[in-house]
Amino acid sequence: QVQLVESGGGLVQPGESLRLSCVSSVSIFSIVVLGWYRQAPGKQRELVAHITRGGSANYADSVKDRFTISRDNAKNTVYLQMNSLKPEDTAVYYCNALPALYTWGQGTQVTVSS
């Protein structure tokens, strides 16, 4: 059973940065596409970025040019570098495959507020 553990969230002010990490209990090399998702209060979970095993990345329009997804297959870890954070980025962030095949982890809370 694949376990995904997210970390790196926190409370930041608008314009600041955070780097999220997601460690997998199994080799992520076997996972063709990995994604970062988020769920804000009262809203559905949405995909914000995904990356293929070969390193090709795609982003939701709302985070394009601000967020960068990367993966380290050797460390079984996928990252999300978030710059120029906005209050509307406030959410619980999760990682999973795309499509989301695995049980969701607990996520990591990101709060952007002045």
Protein backbone atom coordinates (compact mmCIF):
# COMPACT_ATOMS: atom_id res chain seq x y z
CA GLN A 1 0.00 0.00 0.00
CA VAL A 2 1.39 3.36 -1.02
CA GLN A 3 1.65 5.95 1.72
CA LEU A 4 2.20 9.59 0.90
CA VAL A 5 3.32 12.03 3.58
CA GLU A 6 3.18 15.74 2.90
CA SER A 7 5.06 18.39 4.86
CA GLY A 8 6.33 21.94 4.65
CA GLY A 9 3.15 23.95 5.06
CA GLY A 10 2.72 26.86 7.39
CA LEU A 11 1.47 30.39 7.92
CA VAL A 12 3.02 33.00 5.66
CA GLN A 13 2.30 36.52 4.54
CA PRO A 14 1.27 37.39 0.98
CA GLY A 15 4.26 37.46 -1.33
CA GLU A 16 6.27 34.97 0.68
CA SER A 17 7.36 31.46 -0.33
CA LEU A 18 7.03 27.90 0.89
CA ARG A 19 8.42 24.59 -0.28
CA LEU A 20 6.26 21.53 0.17
CA SER A 21 7.58 17.98 0.18
CA CYS A 22 5.83 14.67 -0.32
CA VAL A 23 7.60 11.44 0.52
CA SER A 24 6.33 8.16 -0.87
CA SER A 25 6.64 4.78 0.84
CA VAL A 26 7.36 3.18 -2.53
CA SER A 27 9.57 4.12 -5.43
CA ILE A 28 8.03 7.05 -7.25
CA PHE A 29 9.80 5.94 -10.39
CA SER A 30 6.92 3.53 -10.80
CA ILE A 31 4.43 6.38 -10.67
CA VAL A 32 4.26 7.85 -14.15
CA VAL A 33 2.57 11.12 -13.23
CA LEU A 34 2.61 12.76 -9.80
CA GLY A 35 0.47 15.69 -8.82
CA TRP A 36 -0.02 18.27 -6.13
CA TYR A 37 -3.62 18.97 -5.25
CA ARG A 38 -5.24 21.41 -2.85
CA GLN A 39 -8.54 21.79 -1.10
CA ALA A 40 -9.70 25.09 0.29
CA PRO A 41 -12.48 25.30 2.88
CA GLY A 42 -15.86 24.70 1.28
CA LYS A 43 -14.34 23.88 -2.09
CA GLN A 44 -13.59 20.72 -4.04
CA ARG A 45 -10.09 19.36 -4.24
CA GLU A 46 -8.29 20.63 -7.32
CA LEU A 47 -5.14 19.70 -9.18
CA VAL A 48 -2.61 22.52 -9.15
CA ALA A 49 0.43 20.91 -10.77
CA HIS A 50 1.63 17.60 -12.11
CA ILE A 51 4.87 16.17 -13.38
CA THR A 52 5.69 13.14 -15.48
CA ARG A 53 8.38 10.61 -14.75
CA GLY A 54 10.47 12.32 -17.39
CA GLY A 55 10.13 15.71 -15.74
CA SER A 56 7.52 17.43 -17.90
CA ALA A 57 5.36 19.69 -15.76
CA ASN A 58 1.99 21.35 -16.12
CA TYR A 59 0.23 23.88 -13.94
CA ALA A 60 -3.21 25.23 -13.25
CA ASP A 61 -3.61 28.74 -14.59
CA SER A 62 -4.05 30.06 -11.06
CA VAL A 63 -0.52 29.04 -10.05
CA LYS A 64 1.36 29.22 -13.34
CA ASP A 65 4.58 31.23 -13.12
CA ARG A 66 4.46 31.13 -9.31
CA PHE A 67 4.65 27.42 -8.43
CA THR A 68 7.23 24.87 -9.54
CA ILE A 69 6.81 21.12 -9.20
CA SER A 70 9.79 18.79 -9.20
CA ARG A 71 10.54 15.20 -8.34
CA ASP A 72 13.56 13.36 -7.01
CA ASN A 73 13.10 9.72 -7.93
CA ALA A 74 16.13 8.70 -5.88
CA LYS A 75 14.59 10.17 -2.73
CA ASN A 76 11.03 9.11 -3.57
CA THR A 77 10.02 12.72 -3.07
CA VAL A 78 8.02 15.26 -5.02
CA TYR A 79 8.28 18.95 -4.23
CA LEU A 80 6.19 22.04 -4.77
CA GLN A 81 8.01 25.36 -4.62
CA MET A 82 5.44 28.10 -4.09
CA ASN A 83 6.46 31.71 -4.61
CA SER A 84 4.52 34.96 -4.49
CA LEU A 85 1.85 33.34 -2.37
CA LYS A 86 -1.60 34.87 -2.30
CA PRO A 87 -4.43 34.57 0.23
CA GLU A 88 -6.37 32.50 -2.32
CA ASP A 89 -3.63 29.87 -2.15
CA THR A 90 -4.77 29.04 1.38
CA ALA A 91 -5.70 25.36 1.43
CA VAL A 92 -4.64 21.91 2.52
CA TYR A 93 -2.15 20.59 -0.02
CA TYR A 94 -1.89 16.93 -0.96
CA CYS A 95 0.16 14.84 -3.34
CA ASN A 96 -1.03 11.81 -5.25
CA ALA A 97 -0.69 10.15 -8.58
CA LEU A 98 -2.60 11.46 -11.55
CA PRO A 99 -5.19 10.04 -11.66
CA ALA A 100 -5.36 9.89 -7.86
CA LEU A 101 -4.93 6.16 -7.38
CA TYR A 102 -3.72 6.10 -3.81
CA THR A 103 -5.22 6.76 -0.42
CA TRP A 104 -4.98 10.44 0.41
CA GLY A 105 -2.52 11.46 3.09
CA GLN A 106 -3.24 14.02 5.76
CA GLY A 107 -1.98 16.85 3.64
CA THR A 108 -0.18 19.96 4.81
CA GLN A 109 -1.91 23.21 5.66
CA VAL A 110 -0.86 26.37 3.85
CA THR A 111 -2.27 29.62 5.16
CA VAL A 112 -1.50 32.91 3.46
CA SER A 113 -2.60 35.87 5.51
CA SER A 114 -1.38 39.27 6.59
